[in-house]
Amino acid sequence: VMTISADVVEPPSWADQVKGLVRRRYTHLAETDAFPPGGAVRAIAAGYPKDWLDDLPERVTGSYSGCGYALEDVELSGVRVAVDLGCGAGLDALLVAGRLASAAMVVALDLAPSMLERVREAAGSLAGTIVRPVAADMEQLPLADGTADLVLANASFNLALDKHAAFAEAARILRSGGCLVARDLVRD
């Protein structure tokens, strides 16, 4: 006679499994420095100004995984709060932080807390601008409506399972007249 326990544990949802895989992948990259070599060279080829990158630690520039220069033609004057969705090691977040007024804040948001450690390390050298690393899902942002003047998403929306939710969240946190800058991998 076989008895079956009433304590059957449901497997995680498909969405939770995929997000867990993404989190583990980027945690592995951050904790083992397993990024493809030449991150700074790729960033320069993508249009990032070399002299801007020279101001950042190699642990940040070497981990560049974006889809291009996200700050090209972006007006930063008047930005009080910027949010970098899927910030990774923080290249864009730190570049923005270094160019904002001293009372401004950059929220560096990523799904993988280990990636945010690189942001914390590098942000310690910035004077004036507050860089706040936040571990969160871009489909459910822990920020109030109308919080941001600027939202950046460099090669991050492609990792969202529910792209409509991610874009809706980005729009929700933007203040009226705010700016969304997205660079991404697009099939169609």
C-alpha atoms as a PDB file:
ATOM      1  CA  VAL A   1       0.000   0.000   0.000  1.00  0.00           C
ATOM      2  CA  MET A   2       1.379   3.406  -1.009  1.00  0.00           C
ATOM      3  CA  THR A   3       0.396   6.572   0.809  1.00  0.00           C
ATOM      4  CA  ILE A   4       0.649   9.984  -0.781  1.00  0.00           C
ATOM      5  CA  SER A   5       1.399  12.947   1.396  1.00  0.00           C
ATOM      6  CA  ALA A   6      -1.039  15.831   1.389  1.00  0.00           C
ATOM      7  CA  ASP A   7       1.966  18.166   1.454  1.00  0.00           C
ATOM      8  CA  VAL A   8       2.478  18.182  -2.314  1.00  0.00           C
ATOM      9  CA  VAL A   9       4.629  21.127  -3.296  1.00  0.00           C
ATOM     10  CA  GLU A  10       3.714  22.811  -6.535  1.00  0.00           C
ATOM     11  CA  PRO A  11       6.654  23.452  -8.844  1.00  0.00           C
ATOM     12  CA  PRO A  12       7.575  27.093  -9.424  1.00  0.00           C
ATOM     13  CA  SER A  13       5.703  28.836 -12.205  1.00  0.00           C
ATOM     14  CA  TRP A  14       7.283  29.042 -15.642  1.00  0.00           C
ATOM     15  CA  ALA A  15       7.827  32.791 -15.132  1.00  0.00           C
ATOM     16  CA  ASP A  16       9.570  32.223 -11.797  1.00  0.00           C
ATOM     17  CA  GLN A  17      11.769  29.537 -13.360  1.00  0.00           C
ATOM     18  CA  VAL A  18      12.832  31.801 -16.233  1.00  0.00           C
ATOM     19  CA  LYS A  19      13.496  34.767 -13.935  1.00  0.00           C
ATOM     20  CA  GLY A  20      15.479  32.472 -11.649  1.00  0.00           C
ATOM     21  CA  LEU A  21      17.566  31.365 -14.626  1.00  0.00           C
ATOM     22  CA  VAL A  22      18.245  34.984 -15.630  1.00  0.00           C
ATOM     23  CA  ARG A  23      19.143  35.883 -12.021  1.00  0.00           C
ATOM     24  CA  ARG A  24      21.492  32.874 -11.737  1.00  0.00           C
ATOM     25  CA  ARG A  25      23.155  33.665 -15.079  1.00  0.00           C
ATOM     26  CA  TYR A  26      23.939  37.258 -14.146  1.00  0.00           C
ATOM     27  CA  THR A  27      24.906  36.262 -10.603  1.00  0.00           C
ATOM     28  CA  HIS A  28      27.388  33.800 -12.087  1.00  0.00           C
ATOM     29  CA  LEU A  29      28.812  36.465 -14.420  1.00  0.00           C
ATOM     30  CA  ALA A  30      29.208  38.952 -11.567  1.00  0.00           C
ATOM     31  CA  GLU A  31      30.629  36.540  -8.995  1.00  0.00           C
ATOM     32  CA  THR A  32      33.111  34.798 -11.297  1.00  0.00           C
ATOM     33  CA  ASP A  33      34.011  37.708 -13.601  1.00  0.00           C
ATOM     34  CA  ALA A  34      32.904  35.530 -16.493  1.00  0.00           C
ATOM     35  CA  PHE A  35      31.975  38.403 -18.826  1.00  0.00           C
ATOM     36  CA  PRO A  36      33.208  38.146 -22.384  1.00  0.00           C
ATOM     37  CA  PRO A  37      36.595  39.885 -22.627  1.00  0.00           C
ATOM     38  CA  GLY A  38      36.855  43.358 -24.107  1.00  0.00           C
ATOM     39  CA  GLY A  39      33.826  45.031 -22.543  1.00  0.00           C
ATOM     40  CA  ALA A  40      35.377  48.509 -22.647  1.00  0.00           C
ATOM     41  CA  VAL A  41      36.435  48.020 -26.277  1.00  0.00           C
ATOM     42  CA  ARG A  42      32.874  46.952 -27.177  1.00  0.00           C
ATOM     43  CA  ALA A  43      31.455  49.971 -25.326  1.00  0.00           C
ATOM     44  CA  ILE A  44      33.744  52.348 -27.227  1.00  0.00           C
ATOM     45  CA  ALA A  45      32.800  50.652 -30.512  1.00  0.00           C
ATOM     46  CA  ALA A  46      29.148  51.130 -29.531  1.00  0.00           C
ATOM     47  CA  GLY A  47      29.722  54.889 -29.225  1.00  0.00           C
ATOM     48  CA  TYR A  48      30.582  55.478 -25.566  1.00  0.00           C
ATOM     49  CA  PRO A  49      33.138  58.293 -25.194  1.00  0.00           C
ATOM     50  CA  LYS A  50      36.472  56.753 -24.212  1.00  0.00           C
ATOM     51  CA  ASP A  51      37.286  59.548 -21.771  1.00  0.00           C
ATOM     52  CA  TRP A  52      33.988  58.901 -19.924  1.00  0.00           C
ATOM     53  CA  LEU A  53      34.829  55.212 -19.606  1.00  0.00           C
ATOM     54  CA  ASP A  54      38.334  56.022 -18.367  1.00  0.00           C
ATOM     55  CA  ASP A  55      36.718  57.488 -15.230  1.00  0.00           C
ATOM     56  CA  LEU A  56      35.085  54.161 -14.314  1.00  0.00           C
ATOM     57  CA  PRO A  57      36.625  51.028 -12.782  1.00  0.00           C
ATOM     58  CA  GLU A  58      37.529  48.121 -15.083  1.00  0.00           C
ATOM     59  CA  ARG A  59      35.042  45.936 -13.124  1.00  0.00           C
ATOM     60  CA  VAL A  60      32.307  48.176 -14.558  1.00  0.00           C
ATOM     61  CA  THR A  61      33.558  48.861 -18.078  1.00  0.00           C
ATOM     62  CA  GLY A  62      34.813  45.299 -18.552  1.00  0.00           C
ATOM     63  CA  SER A  63      31.330  43.933 -17.936  1.00  0.00           C
ATOM     64  CA  TYR A  64      29.622  46.032 -20.626  1.00  0.00           C
ATOM     65  CA  SER A  65      26.741  44.013 -22.103  1.00  0.00           C
ATOM     66  CA  GLY A  66      24.567  46.730 -23.636  1.00  0.00           C
ATOM     67  CA  CYS A  67      23.141  47.267 -27.093  1.00  0.00           C
ATOM     68  CA  GLY A  68      24.786  50.568 -27.853  1.00  0.00           C
ATOM     69  CA  TYR A  69      25.455  53.963 -26.361  1.00  0.00           C
ATOM     70  CA  ALA A  70      22.282  54.675 -24.416  1.00  0.00           C
ATOM     71  CA  LEU A  71      23.137  58.278 -23.543  1.00  0.00           C
ATOM     72  CA  GLU A  72      23.634  59.602 -27.054  1.00  0.00           C
ATOM     73  CA  ASP A  73      21.659  62.860 -27.452  1.00  0.00           C
ATOM     74  CA  VAL A  74      20.103  62.475 -23.969  1.00  0.00           C
ATOM     75  CA  GLU A  75      19.643  65.821 -22.234  1.00  0.00           C
ATOM     76  CA  LEU A  76      20.565  65.427 -18.567  1.00  0.00           C
ATOM     77  CA  SER A  77      20.021  68.985 -17.389  1.00  0.00           C
ATOM     78  CA  GLY A  78      17.056  69.116 -15.067  1.00  0.00           C
ATOM     79  CA  VAL A  79      17.146  65.376 -14.300  1.00  0.00           C
ATOM     80  CA  ARG A  80      16.655  64.968 -10.561  1.00  0.00           C
ATOM     81  CA  VAL A  81      15.904  61.214 -10.548  1.00  0.00           C
ATOM     82  CA  ALA A  82      17.129  58.739 -13.152  1.00  0.00           C
ATOM     83  CA  VAL A  83      16.330  55.014 -13.112  1.00  0.00           C
ATOM     84  CA  ASP A  84      18.490  52.459 -14.930  1.00  0.00           C
ATOM     85  CA  LEU A  85      16.440  49.280 -15.500  1.00  0.00           C
ATOM     86  CA  GLY A  86      18.574  46.145 -15.725  1.00  0.00           C
ATOM     87  CA  CYS A  87      21.641  48.188 -14.834  1.00  0.00           C
ATOM     88  CA  GLY A  88      24.032  45.243 -14.668  1.00  0.00           C
ATOM     89  CA  ALA A  89      27.383  46.430 -13.287  1.00  0.00           C
ATOM     90  CA  GLY A  90      26.157  50.005 -13.598  1.00  0.00           C
ATOM     91  CA  LEU A  91      27.951  51.489 -16.586  1.00  0.00           C
ATOM     92  CA  ASP A  92      25.054  53.720 -17.694  1.00  0.00           C
ATOM     93  CA  ALA A  93      23.903  54.445 -14.133  1.00  0.00           C
ATOM     94  CA  LEU A  94      27.375  55.586 -13.108  1.00  0.00           C
ATOM     95  CA  LEU A  95      27.920  57.644 -16.254  1.00  0.00           C
ATOM     96  CA  VAL A  96      24.607  59.429 -15.647  1.00  0.00           C
ATOM     97  CA  ALA A  97      25.412  59.908 -11.956  1.00  0.00           C
ATOM     98  CA  GLY A  98      28.723  61.526 -12.832  1.00  0.00           C
ATOM     99  CA  ARG A  99      26.958  64.086 -15.007  1.00  0.00           C
ATOM    100  CA  LEU A 100      23.976  65.060 -12.863  1.00  0.00           C
ATOM    101  CA  ALA A 101      23.683  67.894 -10.387  1.00  0.00           C
ATOM    102  CA  SER A 102      24.857  67.040  -6.880  1.00  0.00           C
ATOM    103  CA  ALA A 103      21.325  66.794  -5.430  1.00  0.00           C
ATOM    104  CA  ALA A 104      20.244  64.226  -8.025  1.00  0.00           C
ATOM    105  CA  MET A 105      19.741  60.496  -7.538  1.00  0.00           C
ATOM    106  CA  VAL A 106      20.213  57.486  -9.801  1.00  0.00           C
ATOM    107  CA  VAL A 107      18.328  54.287  -9.017  1.00  0.00           C
ATOM    108  CA  ALA A 108      20.358  51.374 -10.394  1.00  0.00           C
ATOM    109  CA  LEU A 109      17.875  48.497 -10.616  1.00  0.00           C
ATOM    110  CA  ASP A 110      18.752  44.904 -11.432  1.00  0.00           C
ATOM    111  CA  LEU A 111      17.293  41.440 -10.864  1.00  0.00           C
ATOM    112  CA  ALA A 112      20.665  40.046  -9.680  1.00  0.00           C
ATOM    113  CA  PRO A 113      21.904  41.430  -6.336  1.00  0.00           C
ATOM    114  CA  SER A 114      25.470  40.314  -7.166  1.00  0.00           C
ATOM    115  CA  MET A 115      25.542  42.696 -10.119  1.00  0.00           C
ATOM    116  CA  LEU A 116      24.568  45.525  -7.792  1.00  0.00           C
ATOM    117  CA  GLU A 117      27.694  44.904  -5.688  1.00  0.00           C
ATOM    118  CA  ARG A 118      29.750  46.243  -8.607  1.00  0.00           C
ATOM    119  CA  VAL A 119      27.536  49.321  -8.703  1.00  0.00           C
ATOM    120  CA  ARG A 120      27.975  49.860  -4.938  1.00  0.00           C
ATOM    121  CA  GLU A 121      31.757  49.518  -5.174  1.00  0.00           C
ATOM    122  CA  ALA A 122      32.068  52.002  -8.036  1.00  0.00           C
ATOM    123  CA  ALA A 123      29.486  54.463  -6.701  1.00  0.00           C
ATOM    124  CA  GLY A 124      31.551  54.959  -3.567  1.00  0.00           C
ATOM    125  CA  SER A 125      33.954  57.123  -5.571  1.00  0.00           C
ATOM    126  CA  LEU A 126      31.252  59.490  -6.847  1.00  0.00           C
ATOM    127  CA  ALA A 127      30.820  62.714  -4.932  1.00  0.00           C
ATOM    128  CA  GLY A 128      27.448  64.406  -4.657  1.00  0.00           C
ATOM    129  CA  THR A 129      25.090  62.264  -6.682  1.00  0.00           C
ATOM    130  CA  ILE A 130      23.346  59.470  -4.827  1.00  0.00           C
ATOM    131  CA  VAL A 131      23.431  56.072  -6.553  1.00  0.00           C
ATOM    132  CA  ARG A 132      20.913  53.731  -4.988  1.00  0.00           C
ATOM    133  CA  PRO A 133      21.232  50.070  -6.063  1.00  0.00           C
ATOM    134  CA  VAL A 134      17.886  48.245  -5.894  1.00  0.00           C
ATOM    135  CA  ALA A 135      17.321  44.527  -6.488  1.00  0.00           C
ATOM    136  CA  ALA A 136      13.929  44.287  -8.184  1.00  0.00           C
ATOM    137  CA  ASP A 137      11.961  43.065 -11.179  1.00  0.00           C
ATOM    138  CA  MET A 138      11.313  45.657 -13.905  1.00  0.00           C
ATOM    139  CA  GLU A 139       7.826  44.199 -14.358  1.00  0.00           C
ATOM    140  CA  GLN A 140       6.934  45.235 -10.784  1.00  0.00           C
ATOM    141  CA  LEU A 141       8.951  48.323  -9.907  1.00  0.00           C
ATOM    142  CA  PRO A 142       9.100  49.290  -6.223  1.00  0.00           C
ATOM    143  CA  LEU A 143       8.926  53.002  -7.090  1.00  0.00           C
ATOM    144  CA  ALA A 144       6.105  55.509  -6.821  1.00  0.00           C
ATOM    145  CA  ASP A 145       4.203  56.874  -9.806  1.00  0.00           C
ATOM    146  CA  GLY A 146       5.906  59.850 -11.457  1.00  0.00           C
ATOM    147  CA  THR A 147       9.217  59.309  -9.648  1.00  0.00           C
ATOM    148  CA  ALA A 148      11.701  59.522 -12.519  1.00  0.00           C
ATOM    149  CA  ASP A 149      12.723  62.249 -14.922  1.00  0.00           C
ATOM    150  CA  LEU A 150      14.707  59.711 -16.951  1.00  0.00           C
ATOM    151  CA  VAL A 151      14.383  55.939 -17.342  1.00  0.00           C
ATOM    152  CA  LEU A 152      17.182  54.045 -19.108  1.00  0.00           C
ATOM    153  CA  ALA A 153      16.907  50.476 -20.344  1.00  0.00           C
ATOM    154  CA  ASN A 154      19.987  49.280 -22.202  1.00  0.00           C
ATOM    155  CA  ALA A 155      19.588  45.669 -23.335  1.00  0.00           C
ATOM    156  CA  SER A 156      17.172  44.892 -20.533  1.00  0.00           C
ATOM    157  CA  PHE A 157      13.604  44.905 -21.890  1.00  0.00           C
ATOM    158  CA  ASN A 158      14.488  41.798 -23.926  1.00  0.00           C
ATOM    159  CA  LEU A 159      14.919  39.942 -20.608  1.00  0.00           C
ATOM    160  CA  ALA A 160      11.422  40.826 -19.381  1.00  0.00           C
ATOM    161  CA  LEU A 161       8.922  38.003 -19.733  1.00  0.00           C
ATOM    162  CA  ASP A 162       5.984  40.395 -19.881  1.00  0.00           C
ATOM    163  CA  LYS A 163       7.259  43.244 -22.039  1.00  0.00           C
ATOM    164  CA  HIS A 164       3.935  45.084 -21.848  1.00  0.00           C
ATOM    165  CA  ALA A 165       4.168  45.071 -18.036  1.00  0.00           C
ATOM    166  CA  ALA A 166       7.792  46.255 -18.117  1.00  0.00           C
ATOM    167  CA  PHE A 167       6.999  49.137 -20.479  1.00  0.00           C
ATOM    168  CA  ALA A 168       3.878  50.009 -18.474  1.00  0.00           C
ATOM    169  CA  GLU A 169       5.966  50.123 -15.297  1.00  0.00           C
ATOM    170  CA  ALA A 170       8.563  52.365 -16.973  1.00  0.00           C
ATOM    171  CA  ALA A 171       5.779  54.696 -18.121  1.00  0.00           C
ATOM    172  CA  ARG A 172       4.160  54.639 -14.670  1.00  0.00           C
ATOM    173  CA  ILE A 173       7.297  55.787 -12.843  1.00  0.00           C
ATOM    174  CA  LEU A 174       8.066  58.543 -15.375  1.00  0.00           C
ATOM    175  CA  ARG A 175       6.920  61.997 -14.390  1.00  0.00           C
ATOM    176  CA  SER A 176       4.943  63.995 -16.946  1.00  0.00           C
ATOM    177  CA  GLY A 177       7.421  65.128 -19.598  1.00  0.00           C
ATOM    178  CA  GLY A 178       9.986  62.531 -18.514  1.00  0.00           C
ATOM    179  CA  CYS A 179      12.132  60.599 -20.970  1.00  0.00           C
ATOM    180  CA  LEU A 180      12.452  56.859 -21.625  1.00  0.00           C
ATOM    181  CA  VAL A 181      15.634  55.792 -23.421  1.00  0.00           C
ATOM    182  CA  ALA A 182      15.615  52.158 -24.508  1.00  0.00           C
ATOM    183  CA  ARG A 183      18.248  50.350 -26.562  1.00  0.00           C
ATOM    184  CA  ASP A 184      17.542  46.719 -27.120  1.00  0.00           C
ATOM    185  CA  LEU A 185      17.668  43.590 -29.209  1.00  0.00           C
ATOM    186  CA  VAL A 186      14.665  43.591 -31.511  1.00  0.00           C
ATOM    187  CA  ARG A 187      13.558  40.793 -33.805  1.00  0.00           C
ATOM    188  CA  ASP A 188      10.760  42.622 -35.622  1.00  0.00           C
END
